Amino acid sequence: SESFDLIFMDMQMPVMNGYDAVRMLRQKGYTGPIVALTANAM
C-alpha cells in the first residue's frame, strides 16, 4: 500500500513469519529489493 526503496525482513516473527511474508509479496507482484534479517548463522 506504500512505496519503499528497500525492505529488511526478519525471518522469525509472530503472526506471519518472514518467509511467508516474502513469498506472499512476490506472489502479489512485489518486485522491490528485500533483504532477510536473521540471528541464525547456518
PDB file of all heavy atoms in Angstrom:
ATOM      1  N   SER A   1       0.800  -1.225   0.000  1.00  0.00           N
ATOM      2  CA  SER A   1       0.000   0.000   0.000  1.00  0.00           C
ATOM      3  C   SER A   1       0.835   1.279   0.000  1.00  0.00           C
ATOM      4  O   SER A   1       0.305   2.362  -0.222  1.00  0.00           O
ATOM      5  CB  SER A   1      -0.937   0.027   1.221  1.00  0.00           C
ATOM      6  OG  SER A   1      -0.197   0.012   2.432  1.00  0.00           O
ATOM      7  N   GLU A   2       2.146   1.160   0.247  1.00  0.00           N
ATOM      8  CA  GLU A   2       3.017   2.323   0.299  1.00  0.00           C
ATOM      9  C   GLU A   2       4.276   2.056  -0.526  1.00  0.00           C
ATOM     10  O   GLU A   2       4.553   0.928  -0.914  1.00  0.00           O
ATOM     11  CB  GLU A   2       3.410   2.638   1.745  1.00  0.00           C
ATOM     12  CG  GLU A   2       2.217   2.904   2.651  1.00  0.00           C
ATOM     13  CD  GLU A   2       2.635   3.115   4.094  1.00  0.00           C
ATOM     14  OE1 GLU A   2       3.743   3.674   4.315  1.00  0.00           O
ATOM     15  OE2 GLU A   2       1.883   2.722   4.994  1.00  0.00           O
ATOM     16  N   SER A   3       5.037   3.107  -0.760  1.00  0.00           N
ATOM     17  CA  SER A   3       6.253   2.992  -1.563  1.00  0.00           C
ATOM     18  C   SER A   3       7.486   2.915  -0.661  1.00  0.00           C
ATOM     19  O   SER A   3       7.687   3.774   0.209  1.00  0.00           O
ATOM     20  CB  SER A   3       6.377   4.188  -2.505  1.00  0.00           C
ATOM     21  OG  SER A   3       7.576   4.131  -3.238  1.00  0.00           O
ATOM     22  N   PHE A   4       8.294   1.874  -0.867  1.00  0.00           N
ATOM     23  CA  PHE A   4       9.543   1.707  -0.128  1.00  0.00           C
ATOM     24  C   PHE A   4      10.675   1.399  -1.098  1.00  0.00           C
ATOM     25  O   PHE A   4      10.464   0.742  -2.122  1.00  0.00           O
ATOM     26  CB  PHE A   4       9.429   0.579   0.903  1.00  0.00           C
ATOM     27  CG  PHE A   4       8.449   0.857   2.002  1.00  0.00           C
ATOM     28  CD1 PHE A   4       7.153   0.354   1.944  1.00  0.00           C
ATOM     29  CD2 PHE A   4       8.806   1.644   3.088  1.00  0.00           C
ATOM     30  CE1 PHE A   4       6.236   0.616   2.944  1.00  0.00           C
ATOM     31  CE2 PHE A   4       7.891   1.917   4.097  1.00  0.00           C
ATOM     32  CZ  PHE A   4       6.598   1.406   4.032  1.00  0.00           C
ATOM     33  N   ASP A   5      11.862   1.861  -0.765  1.00  0.00           N
ATOM     34  CA  ASP A   5      13.024   1.608  -1.609  1.00  0.00           C
ATOM     35  C   ASP A   5      13.719   0.296  -1.256  1.00  0.00           C
ATOM     36  O   ASP A   5      14.456  -0.254  -2.075  1.00  0.00           O
ATOM     37  CB  ASP A   5      14.014   2.769  -1.494  1.00  0.00           C
ATOM     38  CG  ASP A   5      13.398   4.071  -1.968  1.00  0.00           C
ATOM     39  OD1 ASP A   5      13.114   4.176  -3.169  1.00  0.00           O
ATOM     40  OD2 ASP A   5      13.188   4.966  -1.126  1.00  0.00           O
ATOM     41  N   LEU A   6      13.486  -0.181  -0.037  1.00  0.00           N
ATOM     42  CA  LEU A   6      14.134  -1.402   0.421  1.00  0.00           C
ATOM     43  C   LEU A   6      13.378  -1.933   1.631  1.00  0.00           C
ATOM     44  O   LEU A   6      12.878  -1.158   2.447  1.00  0.00           O
ATOM     45  CB  LEU A   6      15.597  -1.113   0.808  1.00  0.00           C
ATOM     46  CG  LEU A   6      16.438  -2.256   1.380  1.00  0.00           C
ATOM     47  CD1 LEU A   6      16.599  -3.385   0.364  1.00  0.00           C
ATOM     48  CD2 LEU A   6      17.810  -1.726   1.816  1.00  0.00           C
ATOM     49  N   ILE A   7      13.279  -3.261   1.723  1.00  0.00           N
ATOM     50  CA  ILE A   7      12.658  -3.904   2.882  1.00  0.00           C
ATOM     51  C   ILE A   7      13.702  -4.765   3.581  1.00  0.00           C
ATOM     52  O   ILE A   7      14.386  -5.563   2.942  1.00  0.00           O
ATOM     53  CB  ILE A   7      11.466  -4.790   2.478  1.00  0.00           C
ATOM     54  CG1 ILE A   7      10.355  -3.951   1.844  1.00  0.00           C
ATOM     55  CG2 ILE A   7      10.926  -5.554   3.692  1.00  0.00           C
ATOM     56  CD1 ILE A   7       9.191  -4.787   1.317  1.00  0.00           C
ATOM     57  N   PHE A   8      13.827  -4.590   4.894  1.00  0.00           N
ATOM     58  CA  PHE A   8      14.588  -5.509   5.722  1.00  0.00           C
ATOM     59  C   PHE A   8      13.573  -6.382   6.450  1.00  0.00           C
ATOM     60  O   PHE A   8      12.720  -5.873   7.186  1.00  0.00           O
ATOM     61  CB  PHE A   8      15.467  -4.774   6.730  1.00  0.00           C
ATOM     62  CG  PHE A   8      16.691  -4.153   6.122  1.00  0.00           C
ATOM     63  CD1 PHE A   8      16.841  -2.770   6.082  1.00  0.00           C
ATOM     64  CD2 PHE A   8      17.702  -4.949   5.590  1.00  0.00           C
ATOM     65  CE1 PHE A   8      17.972  -2.198   5.521  1.00  0.00           C
ATOM     66  CE2 PHE A   8      18.837  -4.377   5.029  1.00  0.00           C
ATOM     67  CZ  PHE A   8      18.972  -3.005   4.989  1.00  0.00           C
ATOM     68  N   MET A   9      13.667  -7.696   6.267  1.00  0.00           N
ATOM     69  CA  MET A   9      12.650  -8.613   6.766  1.00  0.00           C
ATOM     70  C   MET A   9      13.249  -9.611   7.748  1.00  0.00           C
ATOM     71  O   MET A   9      14.058 -10.472   7.375  1.00  0.00           O
ATOM     72  CB  MET A   9      12.015  -9.367   5.592  1.00  0.00           C
ATOM     73  CG  MET A   9      10.891 -10.311   5.979  1.00  0.00           C
ATOM     74  SD  MET A   9       9.314  -9.458   6.295  1.00  0.00           S
ATOM     75  CE  MET A   9       8.851  -9.006   4.601  1.00  0.00           C
ATOM     76  N   ASP A  10      12.856  -9.490   9.014  1.00  0.00           N
ATOM     77  CA  ASP A  10      13.220 -10.522   9.974  1.00  0.00           C
ATOM     78  C   ASP A  10      12.471 -11.795   9.584  1.00  0.00           C
ATOM     79  O   ASP A  10      11.309 -11.742   9.179  1.00  0.00           O
ATOM     80  CB  ASP A  10      12.827 -10.087  11.388  1.00  0.00           C
ATOM     81  CG  ASP A  10      13.233 -11.094  12.438  1.00  0.00           C
ATOM     82  OD1 ASP A  10      14.281 -11.736  12.271  1.00  0.00           O
ATOM     83  OD2 ASP A  10      12.499 -11.250  13.430  1.00  0.00           O
ATOM     84  N   MET A  11      13.130 -12.929   9.703  1.00  0.00           N
ATOM     85  CA  MET A  11      12.532 -14.155   9.189  1.00  0.00           C
ATOM     86  C   MET A  11      11.748 -14.938  10.227  1.00  0.00           C
ATOM     87  O   MET A  11      10.948 -15.803   9.880  1.00  0.00           O
ATOM     88  CB  MET A  11      13.617 -15.049   8.563  1.00  0.00           C
ATOM     89  CG  MET A  11      14.427 -14.341   7.471  1.00  0.00           C
ATOM     90  SD  MET A  11      13.423 -13.410   6.260  1.00  0.00           S
ATOM     91  CE  MET A  11      12.736 -14.758   5.294  1.00  0.00           C
ATOM     92  N   GLN A  12      11.934 -14.653  11.506  1.00  0.00           N
ATOM     93  CA  GLN A  12      11.184 -15.349  12.550  1.00  0.00           C
ATOM     94  C   GLN A  12      10.399 -14.329  13.360  1.00  0.00           C
ATOM     95  O   GLN A  12      10.950 -13.652  14.225  1.00  0.00           O
ATOM     96  CB  GLN A  12      12.124 -16.161  13.441  1.00  0.00           C
ATOM     97  CG  GLN A  12      12.810 -17.298  12.697  1.00  0.00           C
ATOM     98  CD  GLN A  12      13.389 -18.334  13.629  1.00  0.00           C
ATOM     99  OE1 GLN A  12      12.812 -18.667  14.654  1.00  0.00           O
ATOM    100  NE2 GLN A  12      14.550 -18.864  13.270  1.00  0.00           N
ATOM    101  N   MET A  13       9.105 -14.232  13.048  1.00  0.00           N
ATOM    102  CA  MET A  13       8.214 -13.286  13.717  1.00  0.00           C
ATOM    103  C   MET A  13       6.884 -13.959  14.005  1.00  0.00           C
ATOM    104  O   MET A  13       6.518 -14.940  13.361  1.00  0.00           O
ATOM    105  CB  MET A  13       7.977 -12.055  12.831  1.00  0.00           C
ATOM    106  CG  MET A  13       9.202 -11.209  12.575  1.00  0.00           C
ATOM    107  SD  MET A  13       8.829  -9.770  11.506  1.00  0.00           S
ATOM    108  CE  MET A  13       8.562 -10.597   9.919  1.00  0.00           C
ATOM    109  N   PRO A  14       6.123 -13.431  14.960  1.00  0.00           N
ATOM    110  CA  PRO A  14       4.795 -13.976  15.225  1.00  0.00           C
ATOM    111  C   PRO A  14       3.803 -13.559  14.137  1.00  0.00           C
ATOM    112  O   PRO A  14       4.108 -12.731  13.289  1.00  0.00           O
ATOM    113  CB  PRO A  14       4.430 -13.340  16.568  1.00  0.00           C
ATOM    114  CG  PRO A  14       5.190 -12.045  16.585  1.00  0.00           C
ATOM    115  CD  PRO A  14       6.489 -12.332  15.878  1.00  0.00           C
ATOM    116  N   VAL A  15       2.619 -14.133  14.178  1.00  0.00           N
ATOM    117  CA  VAL A  15       1.509 -13.861  13.260  1.00  0.00           C
ATOM    118  C   VAL A  15       1.811 -14.411  11.868  1.00  0.00           C
ATOM    119  O   VAL A  15       1.145 -15.300  11.365  1.00  0.00           O
ATOM    120  CB  VAL A  15       1.149 -12.365  13.193  1.00  0.00           C
ATOM    121  CG1 VAL A  15      -0.058 -12.160  12.256  1.00  0.00           C
ATOM    122  CG2 VAL A  15       0.849 -11.809  14.574  1.00  0.00           C
ATOM    123  N   MET A  16       2.815 -13.840  11.201  1.00  0.00           N
ATOM    124  CA  MET A  16       3.297 -14.355   9.919  1.00  0.00           C
ATOM    125  C   MET A  16       4.804 -14.197   9.895  1.00  0.00           C
ATOM    126  O   MET A  16       5.321 -13.110  10.127  1.00  0.00           O
ATOM    127  CB  MET A  16       2.677 -13.600   8.741  1.00  0.00           C
ATOM    128  CG  MET A  16       3.188 -14.076   7.373  1.00  0.00           C
ATOM    129  SD  MET A  16       2.595 -13.071   5.976  1.00  0.00           S
ATOM    130  CE  MET A  16       0.861 -13.541   5.953  1.00  0.00           C
ATOM    131  N   ASN A  17       5.506 -15.300   9.618  1.00  0.00           N
ATOM    132  CA  ASN A  17       6.964 -15.208   9.611  1.00  0.00           C
ATOM    133  C   ASN A  17       7.462 -14.554   8.331  1.00  0.00           C
ATOM    134  O   ASN A  17       6.714 -14.326   7.384  1.00  0.00           O
ATOM    135  CB  ASN A  17       7.609 -16.579   9.825  1.00  0.00           C
ATOM    136  CG  ASN A  17       7.308 -17.560   8.701  1.00  0.00           C
ATOM    137  OD1 ASN A  17       7.397 -17.226   7.527  1.00  0.00           O
ATOM    138  ND2 ASN A  17       6.952 -18.788   9.068  1.00  0.00           N
ATOM    139  N   GLY A  18       8.758 -14.245   8.317  1.00  0.00           N
ATOM    140  CA  GLY A  18       9.332 -13.536   7.184  1.00  0.00           C
ATOM    141  C   GLY A  18       9.313 -14.334   5.899  1.00  0.00           C
ATOM    142  O   GLY A  18       9.124 -13.773   4.817  1.00  0.00           O
ATOM    143  N   TYR A  19       9.510 -15.642   5.988  1.00  0.00           N
ATOM    144  CA  TYR A  19       9.491 -16.479   4.785  1.00  0.00           C
ATOM    145  C   TYR A  19       8.144 -16.391   4.076  1.00  0.00           C
ATOM    146  O   TYR A  19       8.075 -16.178   2.859  1.00  0.00           O
ATOM    147  CB  TYR A  19       9.791 -17.935   5.152  1.00  0.00           C
ATOM    148  CG  TYR A  19      11.121 -18.141   5.802  1.00  0.00           C
ATOM    149  CD1 TYR A  19      11.222 -18.362   7.181  1.00  0.00           C
ATOM    150  CD2 TYR A  19      12.298 -18.126   5.059  1.00  0.00           C
ATOM    151  CE1 TYR A  19      12.453 -18.551   7.790  1.00  0.00           C
ATOM    152  CE2 TYR A  19      13.535 -18.318   5.658  1.00  0.00           C
ATOM    153  CZ  TYR A  19      13.602 -18.525   7.030  1.00  0.00           C
ATOM    154  OH  TYR A  19      14.825 -18.711   7.630  1.00  0.00           O
ATOM    155  N   ASP A  20       7.069 -16.544   4.849  1.00  0.00           N
ATOM    156  CA  ASP A  20       5.731 -16.477   4.260  1.00  0.00           C
ATOM    157  C   ASP A  20       5.422 -15.080   3.737  1.00  0.00           C
ATOM    158  O   ASP A  20       4.771 -14.920   2.699  1.00  0.00           O
ATOM    159  CB  ASP A  20       4.671 -16.884   5.292  1.00  0.00           C
ATOM    160  CG  ASP A  20       4.736 -18.372   5.635  1.00  0.00           C
ATOM    161  OD1 ASP A  20       5.302 -19.139   4.831  1.00  0.00           O
ATOM    162  OD2 ASP A  20       4.230 -18.756   6.706  1.00  0.00           O
ATOM    163  N   ALA A  21       5.889 -14.060   4.454  1.00  0.00           N
ATOM    164  CA  ALA A  21       5.644 -12.682   4.022  1.00  0.00           C
ATOM    165  C   ALA A  21       6.330 -12.389   2.693  1.00  0.00           C
ATOM    166  O   ALA A  21       5.740 -11.783   1.793  1.00  0.00           O
ATOM    167  CB  ALA A  21       6.126 -11.706   5.094  1.00  0.00           C
ATOM    168  N   VAL A  22       7.579 -12.841   2.552  1.00  0.00           N
ATOM    169  CA  VAL A  22       8.301 -12.609   1.295  1.00  0.00           C
ATOM    170  C   VAL A  22       7.625 -13.360   0.153  1.00  0.00           C
ATOM    171  O   VAL A  22       7.441 -12.815  -0.944  1.00  0.00           O
ATOM    172  CB  VAL A  22       9.778 -13.033   1.432  1.00  0.00           C
ATOM    173  CG1 VAL A  22      10.490 -12.924   0.084  1.00  0.00           C
ATOM    174  CG2 VAL A  22      10.486 -12.162   2.461  1.00  0.00           C
ATOM    175  N   ARG A  23       7.255 -14.619   0.399  1.00  0.00           N
ATOM    176  CA  ARG A  23       6.577 -15.392  -0.650  1.00  0.00           C
ATOM    177  C   ARG A  23       5.283 -14.704  -1.085  1.00  0.00           C
ATOM    178  O   ARG A  23       4.983 -14.616  -2.275  1.00  0.00           O
ATOM    179  CB  ARG A  23       6.275 -16.799  -0.143  1.00  0.00           C
ATOM    180  CG  ARG A  23       7.509 -17.674   0.069  1.00  0.00           C
ATOM    181  CD  ARG A  23       7.115 -19.113   0.341  1.00  0.00           C
ATOM    182  NE  ARG A  23       8.255 -19.899   0.791  1.00  0.00           N
ATOM    183  CZ  ARG A  23       8.527 -20.178   2.065  1.00  0.00           C
ATOM    184  NH1 ARG A  23       7.713 -19.742   3.008  1.00  0.00           N
ATOM    185  NH2 ARG A  23       9.583 -20.889   2.381  1.00  0.00           N
ATOM    186  N   MET A  24       4.519 -14.212  -0.115  1.00  0.00           N
ATOM    187  CA  MET A  24       3.265 -13.554  -0.440  1.00  0.00           C
ATOM    188  C   MET A  24       3.499 -12.283  -1.247  1.00  0.00           C
ATOM    189  O   MET A  24       2.786 -12.006  -2.229  1.00  0.00           O
ATOM    190  CB  MET A  24       2.478 -13.232   0.831  1.00  0.00           C
ATOM    191  CG  MET A  24       1.127 -12.589   0.573  1.00  0.00           C
ATOM    192  SD  MET A  24       0.136 -12.392   2.079  1.00  0.00           S
ATOM    193  CE  MET A  24      -0.223 -14.118   2.457  1.00  0.00           C
ATOM    194  N   LEU A  25       4.496 -11.508  -0.855  1.00  0.00           N
ATOM    195  CA  LEU A  25       4.814 -10.287  -1.599  1.00  0.00           C
ATOM    196  C   LEU A  25       5.205 -10.607  -3.038  1.00  0.00           C
ATOM    197  O   LEU A  25       4.741  -9.948  -3.982  1.00  0.00           O
ATOM    198  CB  LEU A  25       5.941  -9.516  -0.906  1.00  0.00           C
ATOM    199  CG  LEU A  25       5.552  -8.739   0.357  1.00  0.00           C
ATOM    200  CD1 LEU A  25       6.789  -8.223   1.082  1.00  0.00           C
ATOM    201  CD2 LEU A  25       4.629  -7.584  -0.001  1.00  0.00           C
ATOM    202  N   ARG A  26       6.037 -11.595  -3.230  1.00  0.00           N
ATOM    203  CA  ARG A  26       6.448 -11.973  -4.586  1.00  0.00           C
ATOM    204  C   ARG A  26       5.272 -12.509  -5.396  1.00  0.00           C
ATOM    205  O   ARG A  26       5.138 -12.196  -6.584  1.00  0.00           O
ATOM    206  CB  ARG A  26       7.574 -13.008  -4.530  1.00  0.00           C
ATOM    207  CG  ARG A  26       8.864 -12.531  -3.871  1.00  0.00           C
ATOM    208  CD  ARG A  26       9.368 -11.204  -4.424  1.00  0.00           C
ATOM    209  NE  ARG A  26      10.718 -10.882  -3.954  1.00  0.00           N
ATOM    210  CZ  ARG A  26      11.261  -9.684  -3.997  1.00  0.00           C
ATOM    211  NH1 ARG A  26      10.571  -8.652  -4.481  1.00  0.00           N
ATOM    212  NH2 ARG A  26      12.502  -9.481  -3.570  1.00  0.00           N
ATOM    213  N   GLN A  27       4.402 -13.279  -4.756  1.00  0.00           N
ATOM    214  CA  GLN A  27       3.226 -13.804  -5.451  1.00  0.00           C
ATOM    215  C   GLN A  27       2.290 -12.687  -5.889  1.00  0.00           C
ATOM    216  O   GLN A  27       1.618 -12.795  -6.916  1.00  0.00           O
ATOM    217  CB  GLN A  27       2.487 -14.785  -4.549  1.00  0.00           C
ATOM    218  CG  GLN A  27       3.218 -16.108  -4.331  1.00  0.00           C
ATOM    219  CD  GLN A  27       2.592 -16.953  -3.238  1.00  0.00           C
ATOM    220  OE1 GLN A  27       1.565 -16.587  -2.651  1.00  0.00           O
ATOM    221  NE2 GLN A  27       3.199 -18.110  -2.960  1.00  0.00           N
ATOM    222  N   LYS A  28       2.248 -11.612  -5.115  1.00  0.00           N
ATOM    223  CA  LYS A  28       1.387 -10.482  -5.433  1.00  0.00           C
ATOM    224  C   LYS A  28       2.067  -9.471  -6.359  1.00  0.00           C
ATOM    225  O   LYS A  28       1.532  -8.400  -6.607  1.00  0.00           O
ATOM    226  CB  LYS A  28       0.922  -9.806  -4.146  1.00  0.00           C
ATOM    227  CG  LYS A  28      -0.045 -10.667  -3.328  1.00  0.00           C
ATOM    228  CD  LYS A  28      -0.507  -9.942  -2.082  1.00  0.00           C
ATOM    229  CE  LYS A  28      -1.518 -10.767  -1.296  1.00  0.00           C
ATOM    230  NZ  LYS A  28      -2.786 -10.964  -2.025  1.00  0.00           N
ATOM    231  N   GLY A  29       3.249  -9.809  -6.839  1.00  0.00           N
ATOM    232  CA  GLY A  29       3.914  -8.972  -7.829  1.00  0.00           C
ATOM    233  C   GLY A  29       4.866  -7.929  -7.297  1.00  0.00           C
ATOM    234  O   GLY A  29       5.329  -7.067  -8.054  1.00  0.00           O
ATOM    235  N   TYR A  30       5.203  -7.992  -6.015  1.00  0.00           N
ATOM    236  CA  TYR A  30       6.135  -7.014  -5.465  1.00  0.00           C
ATOM    237  C   TYR A  30       7.542  -7.311  -5.983  1.00  0.00           C
ATOM    238  O   TYR A  30       8.041  -8.424  -5.843  1.00  0.00           O
ATOM    239  CB  TYR A  30       6.121  -7.055  -3.937  1.00  0.00           C
ATOM    240  CG  TYR A  30       6.961  -5.971  -3.303  1.00  0.00           C
ATOM    241  CD1 TYR A  30       6.427  -4.704  -3.073  1.00  0.00           C
ATOM    242  CD2 TYR A  30       8.288  -6.202  -2.946  1.00  0.00           C
ATOM    243  CE1 TYR A  30       7.194  -3.693  -2.511  1.00  0.00           C
ATOM    244  CE2 TYR A  30       9.059  -5.203  -2.375  1.00  0.00           C
ATOM    245  CZ  TYR A  30       8.504  -3.952  -2.168  1.00  0.00           C
ATOM    246  OH  TYR A  30       9.270  -2.949  -1.604  1.00  0.00           O
ATOM    247  N   THR A  31       8.181  -6.317  -6.585  1.00  0.00           N
ATOM    248  CA  THR A  31       9.493  -6.536  -7.212  1.00  0.00           C
ATOM    249  C   THR A  31      10.634  -5.797  -6.527  1.00  0.00           C
ATOM    250  O   THR A  31      11.788  -5.911  -6.954  1.00  0.00           O
ATOM    251  CB  THR A  31       9.452  -6.107  -8.693  1.00  0.00           C
ATOM    252  OG1 THR A  31       9.106  -4.707  -8.769  1.00  0.00           O
ATOM    253  CG2 THR A  31       8.439  -6.929  -9.476  1.00  0.00           C
ATOM    254  N   GLY A  32      10.340  -5.028  -5.503  1.00  0.00           N
ATOM    255  CA  GLY A  32      11.384  -4.273  -4.820  1.00  0.00           C
ATOM    256  C   GLY A  32      12.342  -5.176  -4.069  1.00  0.00           C
ATOM    257  O   GLY A  32      12.036  -6.339  -3.779  1.00  0.00           O
ATOM    258  N   PRO A  33      13.535  -4.673  -3.738  1.00  0.00           N
ATOM    259  CA  PRO A  33      14.531  -5.481  -3.029  1.00  0.00           C
ATOM    260  C   PRO A  33      14.121  -5.789  -1.596  1.00  0.00           C
ATOM    261  O   PRO A  33      13.625  -4.916  -0.873  1.00  0.00           O
ATOM    262  CB  PRO A  33      15.793  -4.620  -3.074  1.00  0.00           C
ATOM    263  CG  PRO A  33      15.300  -3.220  -3.233  1.00  0.00           C
ATOM    264  CD  PRO A  33      14.046  -3.315  -4.046  1.00  0.00           C
ATOM    265  N   ILE A  34      14.315  -7.034  -1.200  1.00  0.00           N
ATOM    266  CA  ILE A  34      14.034  -7.491   0.158  1.00  0.00           C
ATOM    267  C   ILE A  34      15.280  -8.192   0.688  1.00  0.00           C
ATOM    268  O   ILE A  34      15.784  -9.127   0.069  1.00  0.00           O
ATOM    269  CB  ILE A  34      12.845  -8.462   0.210  1.00  0.00           C
ATOM    270  CG1 ILE A  34      11.583  -7.830  -0.396  1.00  0.00           C
ATOM    271  CG2 ILE A  34      12.578  -8.903   1.652  1.00  0.00           C
ATOM    272  CD1 ILE A  34      10.399  -8.790  -0.488  1.00  0.00           C
ATOM    273  N   VAL A  35      15.769  -7.734   1.830  1.00  0.00           N
ATOM    274  CA  VAL A  35      16.950  -8.328   2.458  1.00  0.00           C
ATOM    275  C   VAL A  35      16.519  -9.003   3.754  1.00  0.00           C
ATOM    276  O   VAL A  35      15.880  -8.379   4.607  1.00  0.00           O
ATOM    277  CB  VAL A  35      18.027  -7.266   2.739  1.00  0.00           C
ATOM    278  CG1 VAL A  35      19.182  -7.865   3.534  1.00  0.00           C
ATOM    279  CG2 VAL A  35      18.538  -6.673   1.430  1.00  0.00           C
ATOM    280  N   ALA A  36      16.848 -10.285   3.887  1.00  0.00           N
ATOM    281  CA  ALA A  36      16.497 -11.042   5.076  1.00  0.00           C
ATOM    282  C   ALA A  36      17.373 -10.651   6.253  1.00  0.00           C
ATOM    283  O   ALA A  36      18.561 -10.392   6.101  1.00  0.00           O
ATOM    284  CB  ALA A  36      16.634 -12.533   4.793  1.00  0.00           C
ATOM    285  N   LEU A  37      16.764 -10.613   7.441  1.00  0.00           N
ATOM    286  CA  LEU A  37      17.489 -10.426   8.690  1.00  0.00           C
ATOM    287  C   LEU A  37      17.244 -11.658   9.546  1.00  0.00           C
ATOM    288  O   LEU A  37      16.090 -12.046   9.754  1.00  0.00           O
ATOM    289  CB  LEU A  37      16.981  -9.191   9.447  1.00  0.00           C
ATOM    290  CG  LEU A  37      17.118  -7.825   8.772  1.00  0.00           C
ATOM    291  CD1 LEU A  37      16.453  -6.764   9.635  1.00  0.00           C
ATOM    292  CD2 LEU A  37      18.579  -7.484   8.546  1.00  0.00           C
ATOM    293  N   THR A  38      18.300 -12.282  10.033  1.00  0.00           N
ATOM    294  CA  THR A  38      18.116 -13.450  10.884  1.00  0.00           C
ATOM    295  C   THR A  38      19.288 -13.603  11.832  1.00  0.00           C
ATOM    296  O   THR A  38      20.424 -13.279  11.484  1.00  0.00           O
ATOM    297  CB  THR A  38      17.938 -14.740  10.058  1.00  0.00           C
ATOM    298  OG1 THR A  38      17.852 -15.857  10.937  1.00  0.00           O
ATOM    299  CG2 THR A  38      19.083 -14.925   9.087  1.00  0.00           C
ATOM    300  N   ALA A  39      19.000 -14.080  13.032  1.00  0.00           N
ATOM    301  CA  ALA A  39      20.050 -14.339  14.010  1.00  0.00           C
ATOM    302  C   ALA A  39      20.667 -15.703  13.799  1.00  0.00           C
ATOM    303  O   ALA A  39      21.628 -16.053  14.481  1.00  0.00           O
ATOM    304  CB  ALA A  39      19.488 -14.239  15.433  1.00  0.00           C
ATOM    305  N   ASN A  40      20.133 -16.488  12.873  1.00  0.00           N
ATOM    306  CA  ASN A  40      20.723 -17.789  12.565  1.00  0.00           C
ATOM    307  C   ASN A  40      21.945 -17.600  11.681  1.00  0.00           C
ATOM    308  O   ASN A  40      21.957 -16.743  10.803  1.00  0.00           O
ATOM    309  CB  ASN A  40      19.720 -18.698  11.871  1.00  0.00           C
ATOM    310  CG  ASN A  40      18.618 -19.146  12.806  1.00  0.00           C
ATOM    311  OD1 ASN A  40      18.794 -19.152  14.022  1.00  0.00           O
ATOM    312  ND2 ASN A  40      17.485 -19.522  12.253  1.00  0.00           N
ATOM    313  N   ALA A  41      22.953 -18.420  11.890  1.00  0.00           N
ATOM    314  CA  ALA A  41      24.214 -18.263  11.150  1.00  0.00           C
ATOM    315  C   ALA A  41      24.536 -19.489  10.316  1.00  0.00           C
ATOM    316  O   ALA A  41      25.675 -19.694   9.936  1.00  0.00           O
ATOM    317  CB  ALA A  41      25.354 -17.991  12.127  1.00  0.00           C
ATOM    318  N   MET A  42      23.550 -20.315  10.034  1.00  0.00           N
ATOM    319  CA  MET A  42      23.813 -21.552   9.322  1.00  0.00           C
ATOM    320  C   MET A  42      23.549 -21.398   7.832  1.00  0.00           C
ATOM    321  O   MET A  42      22.665 -20.656   7.412  1.00  0.00           O
ATOM    322  CB  MET A  42      22.977 -22.679   9.920  1.00  0.00           C
ATOM    323  CG  MET A  42      23.422 -23.041  11.334  1.00  0.00           C
ATOM    324  SD  MET A  42      22.394 -24.272  12.153  1.00  0.00           S
ATOM    325  CE  MET A  42      21.041 -23.254  12.746  1.00  0.00           C
TER     326      MET A  42
END
